Amino acid sequence: MQKLVESFIATANAFDVEGALSLFATDAVIDDASVGNAFVGRTGVRQYLERFFVGYSTSSKLLSMEELDTFHSSVRLDFTGDFGHEIGTLKIAINSAGLIERIDADLE
């Protein structure tokens, strides 16, 4: 899971939307409480990445990661970008193929 999280951060920081998308299952969901919306499937995940990472020039830094079990982890990130600075938490669930199937995101 650590490698997957690091790959997600690296591709998002590089604004490599295609690279980041390759880490997600086709039916993945990003549910972000801070924006009040869920982004479903590859189309939704692409929209989320383009809007909130590329669009706001977001850079993420891993603060901590707790593996809850084989398929779930809780990740704290430091976000900076055109919006300023925020700390957020990602609850990440992966499938048996090692792809992200769900992220529940929120800001502190």
C-alpha atoms as a PDB file:
ATOM      1  CA  MET A   1       0.000   0.000   0.000  1.00  0.00           C
ATOM      2  CA  GLN A   2       2.874   2.391   0.770  1.00  0.00           C
ATOM      3  CA  LYS A   3       4.168   2.136  -2.805  1.00  0.00           C
ATOM      4  CA  LEU A   4       0.694   2.752  -4.239  1.00  0.00           C
ATOM      5  CA  VAL A   5       0.210   5.851  -2.060  1.00  0.00           C
ATOM      6  CA  GLU A   6       3.643   7.162  -3.029  1.00  0.00           C
ATOM      7  CA  SER A   7       2.849   6.552  -6.723  1.00  0.00           C
ATOM      8  CA  PHE A   8      -0.443   8.401  -6.387  1.00  0.00           C
ATOM      9  CA  ILE A   9       1.261  11.386  -4.745  1.00  0.00           C
ATOM     10  CA  ALA A  10       4.061  11.430  -7.331  1.00  0.00           C
ATOM     11  CA  THR A  11       1.737  11.271 -10.348  1.00  0.00           C
ATOM     12  CA  ALA A  12      -0.672  13.846  -8.888  1.00  0.00           C
ATOM     13  CA  ASN A  13       2.215  16.202  -8.058  1.00  0.00           C
ATOM     14  CA  ALA A  14       3.501  15.826 -11.637  1.00  0.00           C
ATOM     15  CA  PHE A  15      -0.030  16.573 -12.942  1.00  0.00           C
ATOM     16  CA  ASP A  16       0.208  13.206 -14.732  1.00  0.00           C
ATOM     17  CA  VAL A  17      -3.519  12.515 -14.903  1.00  0.00           C
ATOM     18  CA  GLU A  18      -3.081   9.382 -17.037  1.00  0.00           C
ATOM     19  CA  GLY A  19      -0.469   7.999 -14.659  1.00  0.00           C
ATOM     20  CA  ALA A  20      -2.693   8.658 -11.658  1.00  0.00           C
ATOM     21  CA  LEU A  21      -5.718   7.121 -13.408  1.00  0.00           C
ATOM     22  CA  SER A  22      -3.758   3.916 -13.997  1.00  0.00           C
ATOM     23  CA  LEU A  23      -3.734   3.418 -10.204  1.00  0.00           C
ATOM     24  CA  PHE A  24      -7.551   3.337  -9.988  1.00  0.00           C
ATOM     25  CA  ALA A  25     -10.075   0.591 -10.689  1.00  0.00           C
ATOM     26  CA  THR A  26     -12.469   1.435 -13.521  1.00  0.00           C
ATOM     27  CA  ASP A  27     -15.382   1.743 -11.077  1.00  0.00           C
ATOM     28  CA  ALA A  28     -13.454   3.723  -8.452  1.00  0.00           C
ATOM     29  CA  VAL A  29     -15.079   6.447  -6.356  1.00  0.00           C
ATOM     30  CA  ILE A  30     -13.546   9.540  -4.784  1.00  0.00           C
ATOM     31  CA  ASP A  31     -15.964  10.960  -2.225  1.00  0.00           C
ATOM     32  CA  ASP A  32     -14.659  14.321  -1.036  1.00  0.00           C
ATOM     33  CA  ALA A  33     -16.608  15.789   1.881  1.00  0.00           C
ATOM     34  CA  SER A  34     -14.727  19.085   1.595  1.00  0.00           C
ATOM     35  CA  VAL A  35     -16.240  19.733  -1.841  1.00  0.00           C
ATOM     36  CA  GLY A  36     -19.538  17.959  -1.112  1.00  0.00           C
ATOM     37  CA  ASN A  37     -19.383  15.626  -4.092  1.00  0.00           C
ATOM     38  CA  ALA A  38     -18.527  12.091  -5.112  1.00  0.00           C
ATOM     39  CA  PHE A  39     -16.630  11.423  -8.345  1.00  0.00           C
ATOM     40  CA  VAL A  40     -17.493   8.043  -9.862  1.00  0.00           C
ATOM     41  CA  GLY A  41     -15.617   5.871 -12.357  1.00  0.00           C
ATOM     42  CA  ARG A  42     -12.606   6.815 -14.430  1.00  0.00           C
ATOM     43  CA  THR A  43     -14.471   9.817 -15.849  1.00  0.00           C
ATOM     44  CA  GLY A  44     -15.214  11.129 -12.359  1.00  0.00           C
ATOM     45  CA  VAL A  45     -11.699  10.453 -11.072  1.00  0.00           C
ATOM     46  CA  ARG A  46     -10.256  12.252 -14.115  1.00  0.00           C
ATOM     47  CA  GLN A  47     -12.537  15.231 -13.446  1.00  0.00           C
ATOM     48  CA  TYR A  48     -11.434  15.302  -9.798  1.00  0.00           C
ATOM     49  CA  LEU A  49      -7.723  15.171 -10.646  1.00  0.00           C
ATOM     50  CA  GLU A  50      -8.004  17.809 -13.367  1.00  0.00           C
ATOM     51  CA  ARG A  51     -10.114  20.142 -11.257  1.00  0.00           C
ATOM     52  CA  PHE A  52      -8.509  19.884  -7.817  1.00  0.00           C
ATOM     53  CA  PHE A  53      -4.912  18.911  -8.582  1.00  0.00           C
ATOM     54  CA  VAL A  54      -4.094  20.338 -12.011  1.00  0.00           C
ATOM     55  CA  GLY A  55      -6.575  23.226 -11.776  1.00  0.00           C
ATOM     56  CA  TYR A  56      -5.314  24.450  -8.406  1.00  0.00           C
ATOM     57  CA  SER A  57      -1.630  23.554  -8.979  1.00  0.00           C
ATOM     58  CA  THR A  58      -1.866  21.300  -5.929  1.00  0.00           C
ATOM     59  CA  SER A  59       1.246  19.763  -4.440  1.00  0.00           C
ATOM     60  CA  SER A  60       0.861  17.018  -1.839  1.00  0.00           C
ATOM     61  CA  LYS A  61       3.294  15.829   0.811  1.00  0.00           C
ATOM     62  CA  LEU A  62       2.804  12.642   2.809  1.00  0.00           C
ATOM     63  CA  LEU A  63       2.603  13.367   6.542  1.00  0.00           C
ATOM     64  CA  SER A  64       1.610   9.933   7.804  1.00  0.00           C
ATOM     65  CA  MET A  65       0.083   6.658   6.739  1.00  0.00           C
ATOM     66  CA  GLU A  66      -1.625   4.006   8.823  1.00  0.00           C
ATOM     67  CA  GLU A  67      -2.347   0.666   7.193  1.00  0.00           C
ATOM     68  CA  LEU A  68      -5.608  -0.480   8.761  1.00  0.00           C
ATOM     69  CA  ASP A  69      -5.524  -3.890   7.055  1.00  0.00           C
ATOM     70  CA  THR A  70      -4.451  -5.371   3.719  1.00  0.00           C
ATOM     71  CA  PHE A  71      -6.991  -3.337   1.759  1.00  0.00           C
ATOM     72  CA  HIS A  72      -7.454  -0.125   3.768  1.00  0.00           C
ATOM     73  CA  SER A  73      -5.270   2.737   4.925  1.00  0.00           C
ATOM     74  CA  SER A  74      -5.619   6.197   6.359  1.00  0.00           C
ATOM     75  CA  VAL A  75      -3.299   8.825   4.890  1.00  0.00           C
ATOM     76  CA  ARG A  76      -2.658  12.392   6.091  1.00  0.00           C
ATOM     77  CA  LEU A  77      -1.382  14.818   3.479  1.00  0.00           C
ATOM     78  CA  ASP A  78      -0.169  18.391   3.433  1.00  0.00           C
ATOM     79  CA  PHE A  79      -1.692  20.187   0.443  1.00  0.00           C
ATOM     80  CA  THR A  80      -0.445  23.474  -1.017  1.00  0.00           C
ATOM     81  CA  GLY A  81      -1.562  25.222  -4.177  1.00  0.00           C
ATOM     82  CA  ASP A  82      -3.405  28.218  -5.569  1.00  0.00           C
ATOM     83  CA  PHE A  83      -5.934  27.842  -2.720  1.00  0.00           C
ATOM     84  CA  GLY A  84      -3.269  28.212  -0.017  1.00  0.00           C
ATOM     85  CA  HIS A  85      -2.497  25.460   2.475  1.00  0.00           C
ATOM     86  CA  GLU A  86      -4.598  22.622   3.926  1.00  0.00           C
ATOM     87  CA  ILE A  87      -4.116  19.337   5.758  1.00  0.00           C
ATOM     88  CA  GLY A  88      -6.304  16.481   4.592  1.00  0.00           C
ATOM     89  CA  THR A  89      -7.064  12.849   5.252  1.00  0.00           C
ATOM     90  CA  LEU A  90      -7.608  10.179   2.616  1.00  0.00           C
ATOM     91  CA  LYS A  91      -9.224   6.888   3.612  1.00  0.00           C
ATOM     92  CA  ILE A  92      -8.037   4.623   0.795  1.00  0.00           C
ATOM     93  CA  ALA A  93      -9.496   1.223  -0.097  1.00  0.00           C
ATOM     94  CA  ILE A  94      -7.875  -0.997  -2.703  1.00  0.00           C
ATOM     95  CA  ASN A  95      -9.178  -4.082  -4.478  1.00  0.00           C
ATOM     96  CA  SER A  96      -7.547  -7.506  -4.749  1.00  0.00           C
ATOM     97  CA  ALA A  97      -5.705  -6.360  -7.909  1.00  0.00           C
ATOM     98  CA  GLY A  98      -4.011  -3.591  -5.909  1.00  0.00           C
ATOM     99  CA  LEU A  99      -5.938  -0.752  -7.558  1.00  0.00           C
ATOM    100  CA  ILE A 100      -7.634   2.072  -5.689  1.00  0.00           C
ATOM    101  CA  GLU A 101     -11.358   1.407  -5.542  1.00  0.00           C
ATOM    102  CA  ARG A 102     -12.371   4.168  -3.153  1.00  0.00           C
ATOM    103  CA  ILE A 103     -11.010   7.297  -1.525  1.00  0.00           C
ATOM    104  CA  ASP A 104     -12.957   9.136   1.143  1.00  0.00           C
ATOM    105  CA  ALA A 105     -11.301  12.546   1.365  1.00  0.00           C
ATOM    106  CA  ASP A 106     -11.756  15.406   3.785  1.00  0.00           C
ATOM    107  CA  LEU A 107      -9.857  18.414   5.069  1.00  0.00           C
ATOM    108  CA  GLU A 108      -9.082  18.898   8.746  1.00  0.00           C
END
